[in-house]
């Protein structure tokens, strides 16, 4: 299952705790395929999972993934950086060995 670093939890919380958002709001990751066949992901803030989504709850933050993304990210860790301007950049890496 996708793991979130503490920085990723902070970043998701930053994005999903804006005024007017419900407490069920989370980050949704969906798998995409480019015109050239390359695989990628889209990320968006959403207030509910889509049917069939897998939901990861990390320290009270929610990350929702379509089934393809969940399968591809099963052994990955989501990390993030927040710039001084409040811009969020997410990165994927391998989960640390236990």
PDB file of N, CA and C in Angstrom:
ATOM      1  N   UNK A   1       0.840  -1.178   0.000  1.00  0.00           N
ATOM      2  CA  UNK A   1       0.000   0.000   0.000  1.00  0.00           C
ATOM      3  C   UNK A   1       0.891   1.249   0.000  1.00  0.00           C
ATOM      4  N   UNK A   2       0.457   2.267  -0.714  1.00  0.00           N
ATOM      5  CA  UNK A   2       1.192   3.530  -0.768  1.00  0.00           C
ATOM      6  C   UNK A   2       1.444   4.046   0.643  1.00  0.00           C
ATOM      7  N   UNK A   3       2.679   4.458   0.892  1.00  0.00           N
ATOM      8  CA  UNK A   3       3.061   5.037   2.172  1.00  0.00           C
ATOM      9  C   UNK A   3       3.235   6.542   1.990  1.00  0.00           C
ATOM     10  N   UNK A   4       2.856   7.327   2.981  1.00  0.00           N
ATOM     11  CA  UNK A   4       3.055   8.777   2.948  1.00  0.00           C
ATOM     12  C   UNK A   4       4.108   9.160   3.973  1.00  0.00           C
ATOM     13  N   UNK A   5       5.075   9.974   3.556  1.00  0.00           N
ATOM     14  CA  UNK A   5       6.035  10.507   4.510  1.00  0.00           C
ATOM     15  C   UNK A   5       5.345  11.589   5.342  1.00  0.00           C
ATOM     16  N   UNK A   6       5.988  11.983   6.429  1.00  0.00           N
ATOM     17  CA  UNK A   6       5.427  13.063   7.249  1.00  0.00           C
ATOM     18  C   UNK A   6       5.267  14.341   6.432  1.00  0.00           C
ATOM     19  N   UNK A   7       6.219  14.601   5.520  1.00  0.00           N
ATOM     20  CA  UNK A   7       6.134  15.791   4.674  1.00  0.00           C
ATOM     21  C   UNK A   7       4.937  15.706   3.729  1.00  0.00           C
ATOM     22  N   UNK A   8       4.653  14.511   3.213  1.00  0.00           N
ATOM     23  CA  UNK A   8       3.497  14.334   2.325  1.00  0.00           C
ATOM     24  C   UNK A   8       2.203  14.539   3.098  1.00  0.00           C
ATOM     25  N   UNK A   9       2.134  14.022   4.319  1.00  0.00           N
ATOM     26  CA  UNK A   9       0.943  14.227   5.155  1.00  0.00           C
ATOM     27  C   UNK A   9       0.723  15.719   5.374  1.00  0.00           C
ATOM     28  N   UNK A  10       1.793  16.444   5.692  1.00  0.00           N
ATOM     29  CA  UNK A  10       1.688  17.892   5.900  1.00  0.00           C
ATOM     30  C   UNK A  10       1.206  18.586   4.634  1.00  0.00           C
ATOM     31  N   UNK A  11       1.733  18.186   3.478  1.00  0.00           N
ATOM     32  CA  UNK A  11       1.351  18.815   2.209  1.00  0.00           C
ATOM     33  C   UNK A  11      -0.107  18.528   1.864  1.00  0.00           C
ATOM     34  N   UNK A  12      -0.542  17.277   2.028  1.00  0.00           N
ATOM     35  CA  UNK A  12      -1.940  16.938   1.742  1.00  0.00           C
ATOM     36  C   UNK A  12      -2.848  17.710   2.688  1.00  0.00           C
ATOM     37  N   UNK A  13      -2.471  17.774   3.953  1.00  0.00           N
ATOM     38  CA  UNK A  13      -3.264  18.530   4.929  1.00  0.00           C
ATOM     39  C   UNK A  13      -3.335  20.008   4.517  1.00  0.00           C
ATOM     40  N   UNK A  14      -2.222  20.559   4.044  1.00  0.00           N
ATOM     41  CA  UNK A  14      -2.171  21.954   3.588  1.00  0.00           C
ATOM     42  C   UNK A  14      -3.158  22.180   2.438  1.00  0.00           C
ATOM     43  N   UNK A  15      -3.218  21.238   1.505  1.00  0.00           N
ATOM     44  CA  UNK A  15      -4.088  21.370   0.333  1.00  0.00           C
ATOM     45  C   UNK A  15      -5.560  21.130   0.647  1.00  0.00           C
ATOM     46  N   UNK A  16      -5.836  20.292   1.642  1.00  0.00           N
ATOM     47  CA  UNK A  16      -7.218  19.860   1.878  1.00  0.00           C
ATOM     48  C   UNK A  16      -7.873  20.496   3.096  1.00  0.00           C
ATOM     49  N   UNK A  17      -7.204  21.442   3.719  1.00  0.00           N
ATOM     50  CA  UNK A  17      -7.790  22.067   4.912  1.00  0.00           C
ATOM     51  C   UNK A  17      -8.089  23.544   4.680  1.00  0.00           C
ATOM     52  N   UNK A  18      -8.391  23.876   3.449  1.00  0.00           N
ATOM     53  CA  UNK A  18      -8.729  25.258   3.117  1.00  0.00           C
ATOM     54  C   UNK A  18     -10.166  25.553   3.555  1.00  0.00           C
ATOM     55  N   UNK A  19     -10.486  26.820   3.809  1.00  0.00           N
ATOM     56  CA  UNK A  19     -11.853  27.168   4.216  1.00  0.00           C
ATOM     57  C   UNK A  19     -12.881  26.665   3.201  1.00  0.00           C
ATOM     58  N   UNK A  20     -13.975  26.117   3.715  1.00  0.00           N
ATOM     59  CA  UNK A  20     -15.055  25.639   2.865  1.00  0.00           C
ATOM     60  C   UNK A  20     -14.934  24.188   2.441  1.00  0.00           C
ATOM     61  N   UNK A  21     -13.812  23.546   2.745  1.00  0.00           N
ATOM     62  CA  UNK A  21     -13.640  22.137   2.382  1.00  0.00           C
ATOM     63  C   UNK A  21     -14.145  21.259   3.517  1.00  0.00           C
ATOM     64  N   UNK A  22     -14.759  20.132   3.155  1.00  0.00           N
ATOM     65  CA  UNK A  22     -15.264  19.212   4.175  1.00  0.00           C
ATOM     66  C   UNK A  22     -14.108  18.414   4.767  1.00  0.00           C
ATOM     67  N   UNK A  23     -14.357  17.780   5.896  1.00  0.00           N
ATOM     68  CA  UNK A  23     -13.303  16.981   6.522  1.00  0.00           C
ATOM     69  C   UNK A  23     -13.035  15.693   5.752  1.00  0.00           C
ATOM     70  N   UNK A  24     -13.886  15.352   4.785  1.00  0.00           N
ATOM     71  CA  UNK A  24     -13.674  14.174   3.943  1.00  0.00           C
ATOM     72  C   UNK A  24     -12.827  14.480   2.710  1.00  0.00           C
ATOM     73  N   UNK A  25     -12.465  15.739   2.505  1.00  0.00           N
ATOM     74  CA  UNK A  25     -11.672  16.133   1.344  1.00  0.00           C
ATOM     75  C   UNK A  25     -10.307  15.450   1.396  1.00  0.00           C
ATOM     76  N   UNK A  26      -9.836  15.008   0.240  1.00  0.00           N
ATOM     77  CA  UNK A  26      -8.538  14.355   0.172  1.00  0.00           C
ATOM     78  C   UNK A  26      -7.883  14.586  -1.174  1.00  0.00           C
ATOM     79  N   UNK A  27      -6.719  13.994  -1.340  1.00  0.00           N
ATOM     80  CA  UNK A  27      -5.971  14.066  -2.592  1.00  0.00           C
ATOM     81  C   UNK A  27      -6.253  12.794  -3.373  1.00  0.00           C
ATOM     82  N   UNK A  28      -6.664  12.936  -4.637  1.00  0.00           N
ATOM     83  CA  UNK A  28      -6.944  11.765  -5.482  1.00  0.00           C
ATOM     84  C   UNK A  28      -5.849  11.627  -6.527  1.00  0.00           C
ATOM     85  N   UNK A  29      -5.331  10.404  -6.644  1.00  0.00           N
ATOM     86  CA  UNK A  29      -4.313  10.073  -7.634  1.00  0.00           C
ATOM     87  C   UNK A  29      -4.948   9.126  -8.645  1.00  0.00           C
ATOM     88  N   UNK A  30      -4.880   9.506  -9.915  1.00  0.00           N
ATOM     89  CA  UNK A  30      -5.432   8.670 -10.981  1.00  0.00           C
ATOM     90  C   UNK A  30      -4.331   8.358 -11.986  1.00  0.00           C
ATOM     91  N   UNK A  31      -4.334   7.146 -12.489  1.00  0.00           N
ATOM     92  CA  UNK A  31      -3.373   6.713 -13.497  1.00  0.00           C
ATOM     93  C   UNK A  31      -3.782   7.273 -14.860  1.00  0.00           C
ATOM     94  N   UNK A  32      -2.794   7.698 -15.634  1.00  0.00           N
ATOM     95  CA  UNK A  32      -3.058   8.211 -16.979  1.00  0.00           C
ATOM     96  C   UNK A  32      -2.107   7.537 -17.969  1.00  0.00           C
ATOM     97  N   UNK A  33      -2.510   7.527 -19.224  1.00  0.00           N
ATOM     98  CA  UNK A  33      -1.660   7.030 -20.300  1.00  0.00           C
ATOM     99  C   UNK A  33      -1.567   8.115 -21.358  1.00  0.00           C
ATOM    100  N   UNK A  34      -0.340   8.527 -21.672  1.00  0.00           N
ATOM    101  CA  UNK A  34      -0.122   9.566 -22.670  1.00  0.00           C
ATOM    102  C   UNK A  34      -0.342   9.051 -24.081  1.00  0.00           C
ATOM    103  N   UNK A  35      -0.374   9.967 -25.036  1.00  0.00           N
ATOM    104  CA  UNK A  35      -0.545   9.606 -26.448  1.00  0.00           C
ATOM    105  C   UNK A  35       0.546   8.651 -26.928  1.00  0.00           C
ATOM    106  N   UNK A  36       1.730   8.757 -26.312  1.00  0.00           N
ATOM    107  CA  UNK A  36       2.849   7.898 -26.708  1.00  0.00           C
ATOM    108  C   UNK A  36       2.898   6.595 -25.905  1.00  0.00           C
ATOM    109  N   UNK A  37       1.882   6.361 -25.071  1.00  0.00           N
ATOM    110  CA  UNK A  37       1.829   5.137 -24.272  1.00  0.00           C
ATOM    111  C   UNK A  37       2.508   5.245 -22.921  1.00  0.00           C
ATOM    112  N   UNK A  38       3.097   6.411 -22.632  1.00  0.00           N
ATOM    113  CA  UNK A  38       3.776   6.576 -21.349  1.00  0.00           C
ATOM    114  C   UNK A  38       2.759   6.642 -20.208  1.00  0.00           C
ATOM    115  N   UNK A  39       3.155   6.102 -19.070  1.00  0.00           N
ATOM    116  CA  UNK A  39       2.300   6.086 -17.888  1.00  0.00           C
ATOM    117  C   UNK A  39       2.601   7.297 -17.013  1.00  0.00           C
ATOM    118  N   UNK A  40       1.567   7.837 -16.410  1.00  0.00           N
ATOM    119  CA  UNK A  40       1.726   8.960 -15.504  1.00  0.00           C
ATOM    120  C   UNK A  40       0.577   8.990 -14.519  1.00  0.00           C
ATOM    121  N   UNK A  41       0.519  10.054 -13.749  1.00  0.00           N
ATOM    122  CA  UNK A  41      -0.520  10.207 -12.741  1.00  0.00           C
ATOM    123  C   UNK A  41      -1.023  11.638 -12.740  1.00  0.00           C
ATOM    124  N   UNK A  42      -2.302  11.802 -12.442  1.00  0.00           N
ATOM    125  CA  UNK A  42      -2.854  13.126 -12.182  1.00  0.00           C
ATOM    126  C   UNK A  42      -3.209  13.179 -10.705  1.00  0.00           C
ATOM    127  N   UNK A  43      -3.054  14.349 -10.128  1.00  0.00           N
ATOM    128  CA  UNK A  43      -3.404  14.562  -8.733  1.00  0.00           C
ATOM    129  C   UNK A  43      -4.396  15.699  -8.670  1.00  0.00           C
ATOM    130  N   UNK A  44      -5.441  15.517  -7.873  1.00  0.00           N
ATOM    131  CA  UNK A  44      -6.410  16.590  -7.693  1.00  0.00           C
ATOM    132  C   UNK A  44      -7.018  16.485  -6.308  1.00  0.00           C
ATOM    133  N   UNK A  45      -7.401  17.618  -5.770  1.00  0.00           N
ATOM    134  CA  UNK A  45      -8.108  17.663  -4.498  1.00  0.00           C
ATOM    135  C   UNK A  45      -9.573  17.379  -4.787  1.00  0.00           C
ATOM    136  N   UNK A  46     -10.159  16.454  -4.031  1.00  0.00           N
ATOM    137  CA  UNK A  46     -11.552  16.081  -4.240  1.00  0.00           C
ATOM    138  C   UNK A  46     -12.228  15.835  -2.900  1.00  0.00           C
ATOM    139  N   UNK A  47     -13.551  15.975  -2.888  1.00  0.00           N
ATOM    140  CA  UNK A  47     -14.264  15.829  -1.618  1.00  0.00           C
ATOM    141  C   UNK A  47     -14.771  14.418  -1.356  1.00  0.00           C
ATOM    142  N   UNK A  48     -14.576  13.493  -2.295  1.00  0.00           N
ATOM    143  CA  UNK A  48     -15.030  12.120  -2.090  1.00  0.00           C
ATOM    144  C   UNK A  48     -14.323  11.190  -3.064  1.00  0.00           C
ATOM    145  N   UNK A  49     -14.122   9.937  -2.659  1.00  0.00           N
ATOM    146  CA  UNK A  49     -13.518   8.981  -3.591  1.00  0.00           C
ATOM    147  C   UNK A  49     -14.489   8.609  -4.703  1.00  0.00           C
ATOM    148  N   UNK A  50     -13.934   8.205  -5.830  1.00  0.00           N
ATOM    149  CA  UNK A  50     -14.732   7.663  -6.934  1.00  0.00           C
ATOM    150  C   UNK A  50     -15.045   6.202  -6.614  1.00  0.00           C
ATOM    151  N   UNK A  51     -16.097   5.643  -7.218  1.00  0.00           N
ATOM    152  CA  UNK A  51     -16.371   4.216  -7.013  1.00  0.00           C
ATOM    153  C   UNK A  51     -15.146   3.378  -7.393  1.00  0.00           C
ATOM    154  N   UNK A  52     -14.771   2.444  -6.537  1.00  0.00           N
ATOM    155  CA  UNK A  52     -13.629   1.576  -6.794  1.00  0.00           C
ATOM    156  C   UNK A  52     -12.301   2.126  -6.313  1.00  0.00           C
ATOM    157  N   UNK A  53     -12.273   3.360  -5.818  1.00  0.00           N
ATOM    158  CA  UNK A  53     -11.023   3.937  -5.320  1.00  0.00           C
ATOM    159  C   UNK A  53     -10.562   3.229  -4.051  1.00  0.00           C
ATOM    160  N   UNK A  54      -9.248   3.136  -3.899  1.00  0.00           N
ATOM    161  CA  UNK A  54      -8.645   2.689  -2.648  1.00  0.00           C
ATOM    162  C   UNK A  54      -8.310   3.951  -1.864  1.00  0.00           C
ATOM    163  N   UNK A  55      -8.618   3.960  -0.568  1.00  0.00           N
ATOM    164  CA  UNK A  55      -8.373   5.140   0.261  1.00  0.00           C
ATOM    165  C   UNK A  55      -7.317   4.809   1.306  1.00  0.00           C
ATOM    166  N   UNK A  56      -6.279   5.641   1.357  1.00  0.00           N
ATOM    167  CA  UNK A  56      -5.247   5.533   2.379  1.00  0.00           C
ATOM    168  C   UNK A  56      -5.486   6.673   3.354  1.00  0.00           C
ATOM    169  N   UNK A  57      -5.606   6.341   4.634  1.00  0.00           N
ATOM    170  CA  UNK A  57      -5.771   7.346   5.679  1.00  0.00           C
ATOM    171  C   UNK A  57      -4.472   7.388   6.466  1.00  0.00           C
ATOM    172  N   UNK A  58      -3.747   8.486   6.358  1.00  0.00           N
ATOM    173  CA  UNK A  58      -2.466   8.631   7.039  1.00  0.00           C
ATOM    174  C   UNK A  58      -2.544   9.828   7.976  1.00  0.00           C
ATOM    175  N   UNK A  59      -2.553   9.556   9.258  1.00  0.00           N
ATOM    176  CA  UNK A  59      -2.591  10.608  10.270  1.00  0.00           C
ATOM    177  C   UNK A  59      -3.753  11.567  10.035  1.00  0.00           C
ATOM    178  N   UNK A  60      -4.889  11.026   9.618  1.00  0.00           N
ATOM    179  CA  UNK A  60      -6.080  11.842   9.423  1.00  0.00           C
ATOM    180  C   UNK A  60      -6.199  12.498   8.064  1.00  0.00           C
ATOM    181  N   UNK A  61      -5.218  12.302   7.189  1.00  0.00           N
ATOM    182  CA  UNK A  61      -5.326  12.830   5.827  1.00  0.00           C
ATOM    183  C   UNK A  61      -5.694  11.683   4.891  1.00  0.00           C
ATOM    184  N   UNK A  62      -6.450  12.001   3.856  1.00  0.00           N
ATOM    185  CA  UNK A  62      -6.924  10.964   2.940  1.00  0.00           C
ATOM    186  C   UNK A  62      -6.278  11.110   1.564  1.00  0.00           C
ATOM    187  N   UNK A  63      -5.784   9.985   1.049  1.00  0.00           N
ATOM    188  CA  UNK A  63      -5.312   9.906  -0.327  1.00  0.00           C
ATOM    189  C   UNK A  63      -6.126   8.808  -0.995  1.00  0.00           C
ATOM    190  N   UNK A  64      -6.783   9.163  -2.098  1.00  0.00           N
ATOM    191  CA  UNK A  64      -7.630   8.237  -2.840  1.00  0.00           C
ATOM    192  C   UNK A  64      -6.939   7.902  -4.155  1.00  0.00           C
ATOM    193  N   UNK A  65      -7.012   6.626  -4.546  1.00  0.00           N
ATOM    194  CA  UNK A  65      -6.354   6.202  -5.783  1.00  0.00           C
ATOM    195  C   UNK A  65      -7.289   5.320  -6.589  1.00  0.00           C
ATOM    196  N   UNK A  66      -7.305   5.527  -7.916  1.00  0.00           N
ATOM    197  CA  UNK A  66      -8.053   4.584  -8.742  1.00  0.00           C
ATOM    198  C   UNK A  66      -7.329   3.240  -8.682  1.00  0.00           C
ATOM    199  N   UNK A  67      -7.986   2.174  -9.126  1.00  0.00           N
ATOM    200  CA  UNK A  67      -7.424   0.828  -8.957  1.00  0.00           C
ATOM    201  C   UNK A  67      -6.084   0.664  -9.666  1.00  0.00           C
ATOM    202  N   UNK A  68      -5.921   1.276 -10.823  1.00  0.00           N
ATOM    203  CA  UNK A  68      -4.658   1.176 -11.554  1.00  0.00           C
ATOM    204  C   UNK A  68      -3.533   1.887 -10.804  1.00  0.00           C
ATOM    205  N   UNK A  69      -3.805   3.085 -10.310  1.00  0.00           N
ATOM    206  CA  UNK A  69      -2.796   3.826  -9.547  1.00  0.00           C
ATOM    207  C   UNK A  69      -2.441   3.073  -8.270  1.00  0.00           C
ATOM    208  N   UNK A  70      -3.443   2.528  -7.582  1.00  0.00           N
ATOM    209  CA  UNK A  70      -3.191   1.790  -6.342  1.00  0.00           C
ATOM    210  C   UNK A  70      -2.265   0.607  -6.600  1.00  0.00           C
ATOM    211  N   UNK A  71      -2.486  -0.091  -7.711  1.00  0.00           N
ATOM    212  CA  UNK A  71      -1.637  -1.233  -8.056  1.00  0.00           C
ATOM    213  C   UNK A  71      -0.212  -0.780  -8.373  1.00  0.00           C
ATOM    214  N   UNK A  72      -0.077   0.285  -9.153  1.00  0.00           N
ATOM    215  CA  UNK A  72       1.247   0.767  -9.553  1.00  0.00           C
ATOM    216  C   UNK A  72       2.025   1.374  -8.384  1.00  0.00           C
ATOM    217  N   UNK A  73       1.310   1.917  -7.397  1.00  0.00           N
ATOM    218  CA  UNK A  73       1.962   2.617  -6.284  1.00  0.00           C
ATOM    219  C   UNK A  73       2.042   1.773  -5.019  1.00  0.00           C
ATOM    220  N   UNK A  74       1.724   0.494  -5.132  1.00  0.00           N
ATOM    221  CA  UNK A  74       1.639  -0.380  -3.965  1.00  0.00           C
ATOM    222  C   UNK A  74       2.914  -0.400  -3.124  1.00  0.00           C
ATOM    223  N   UNK A  75       4.083  -0.345  -3.758  1.00  0.00           N
ATOM    224  CA  UNK A  75       5.349  -0.413  -3.022  1.00  0.00           C
ATOM    225  C   UNK A  75       6.076   0.931  -2.992  1.00  0.00           C
ATOM    226  N   UNK A  76       5.337   2.012  -3.235  1.00  0.00           N
ATOM    227  CA  UNK A  76       5.941   3.343  -3.321  1.00  0.00           C
ATOM    228  C   UNK A  76       5.650   4.180  -2.077  1.00  0.00           C
ATOM    229  N   UNK A  77       6.437   5.242  -1.934  1.00  0.00           N
ATOM    230  CA  UNK A  77       6.246   6.227  -0.871  1.00  0.00           C
ATOM    231  C   UNK A  77       6.021   7.581  -1.530  1.00  0.00           C
ATOM    232  N   UNK A  78       5.033   8.310  -1.041  1.00  0.00           N
ATOM    233  CA  UNK A  78       4.746   9.657  -1.525  1.00  0.00           C
ATOM    234  C   UNK A  78       5.416  10.640  -0.582  1.00  0.00           C
ATOM    235  N   UNK A  79       6.243  11.505  -1.137  1.00  0.00           N
ATOM    236  CA  UNK A  79       6.936  12.534  -0.371  1.00  0.00           C
ATOM    237  C   UNK A  79       6.531  13.880  -0.954  1.00  0.00           C
ATOM    238  N   UNK A  80       6.828  14.963  -0.260  1.00  0.00           N
ATOM    239  CA  UNK A  80       6.423  16.288  -0.739  1.00  0.00           C
ATOM    240  C   UNK A  80       7.318  17.367  -0.163  1.00  0.00           C
ATOM    241  N   UNK A  81       7.308  18.487  -0.861  1.00  0.00           N
ATOM    242  CA  UNK A  81       7.956  19.715  -0.395  1.00  0.00           C
ATOM    243  C   UNK A  81       6.963  20.847  -0.564  1.00  0.00           C
ATOM    244  N   UNK A  82       6.958  21.767   0.394  1.00  0.00           N
ATOM    245  CA  UNK A  82       6.132  22.969   0.292  1.00  0.00           C
ATOM    246  C   UNK A  82       7.085  24.155   0.246  1.00  0.00           C
ATOM    247  N   UNK A  83       6.995  24.949  -0.828  1.00  0.00           N
ATOM    248  CA  UNK A  83       7.883  26.102  -0.982  1.00  0.00           C
ATOM    249  C   UNK A  83       7.458  27.224  -0.040  1.00  0.00           C
ATOM    250  N   UNK A  84       8.306  28.225   0.077  1.00  0.00           N
ATOM    251  CA  UNK A  84       7.983  29.397   0.902  1.00  0.00           C
ATOM    252  C   UNK A  84       6.740  30.107   0.388  1.00  0.00           C
ATOM    253  N   UNK A  85       6.436  29.961  -0.905  1.00  0.00           N
ATOM    254  CA  UNK A  85       5.252  30.574  -1.502  1.00  0.00           C
ATOM    255  C   UNK A  85       4.010  29.702  -1.317  1.00  0.00           C
ATOM    256  N   UNK A  86       4.163  28.533  -0.678  1.00  0.00           N
ATOM    257  CA  UNK A  86       3.034  27.642  -0.437  1.00  0.00           C
ATOM    258  C   UNK A  86       2.759  26.663  -1.560  1.00  0.00           C
ATOM    259  N   UNK A  87       3.644  26.601  -2.559  1.00  0.00           N
ATOM    260  CA  UNK A  87       3.460  25.659  -3.665  1.00  0.00           C
ATOM    261  C   UNK A  87       3.916  24.269  -3.226  1.00  0.00           C
ATOM    262  N   UNK A  88       3.133  23.265  -3.599  1.00  0.00           N
ATOM    263  CA  UNK A  88       3.417  21.889  -3.202  1.00  0.00           C
ATOM    264  C   UNK A  88       3.969  21.113  -4.389  1.00  0.00           C
ATOM    265  N   UNK A  89       5.034  20.358  -4.142  1.00  0.00           N
ATOM    266  CA  UNK A  89       5.592  19.465  -5.154  1.00  0.00           C
ATOM    267  C   UNK A  89       5.651  18.068  -4.544  1.00  0.00           C
ATOM    268  N   UNK A  90       5.008  17.109  -5.220  1.00  0.00           N
ATOM    269  CA  UNK A  90       5.017  15.725  -4.752  1.00  0.00           C
ATOM    270  C   UNK A  90       6.053  14.928  -5.521  1.00  0.00           C
ATOM    271  N   UNK A  91       6.654  13.947  -4.843  1.00  0.00           N
ATOM    272  CA  UNK A  91       7.626  13.044  -5.445  1.00  0.00           C
ATOM    273  C   UNK A  91       7.293  11.616  -5.023  1.00  0.00           C
ATOM    274  N   UNK A  92       7.553  10.669  -5.915  1.00  0.00           N
ATOM    275  CA  UNK A  92       7.369   9.250  -5.611  1.00  0.00           C
ATOM    276  C   UNK A  92       8.722   8.575  -5.510  1.00  0.00           C
ATOM    277  N   UNK A  93       8.849   7.675  -4.564  1.00  0.00           N
ATOM    278  CA  UNK A  93      10.066   6.895  -4.415  1.00  0.00           C
ATOM    279  C   UNK A  93       9.707   5.522  -3.879  1.00  0.00           C
ATOM    280  N   UNK A  94      10.705   4.702  -3.705  1.00  0.00           N
ATOM    281  CA  UNK A  94      10.483   3.372  -3.136  1.00  0.00           C
ATOM    282  C   UNK A  94      10.297   3.505  -1.627  1.00  0.00           C
ATOM    283  N   UNK A  95       9.506   2.604  -1.065  1.00  0.00           N
ATOM    284  CA  UNK A  95       9.341   2.586   0.385  1.00  0.00           C
ATOM    285  C   UNK A  95      10.646   2.144   1.024  1.00  0.00           C
ATOM    286  N   UNK A  96      10.974   2.728   2.175  1.00  0.00           N
ATOM    287  CA  UNK A  96      12.202   2.297   2.858  1.00  0.00           C
ATOM    288  C   UNK A  96      12.075   0.847   3.330  1.00  0.00           C
ATOM    289  N   UNK A  97      13.201   0.166   3.380  1.00  0.00           N
ATOM    290  CA  UNK A  97      13.212  -1.214   3.881  1.00  0.00           C
ATOM    291  C   UNK A  97      12.871  -1.197   5.361  1.00  0.00           C
ATOM    292  N   UNK A  98      12.069  -2.202   5.790  1.00  0.00           N
ATOM    293  CA  UNK A  98      11.731  -2.240   7.217  1.00  0.00           C
ATOM    294  C   UNK A  98      12.710  -3.053   8.010  1.00  0.00           C
TER     295      UNK A  98
END
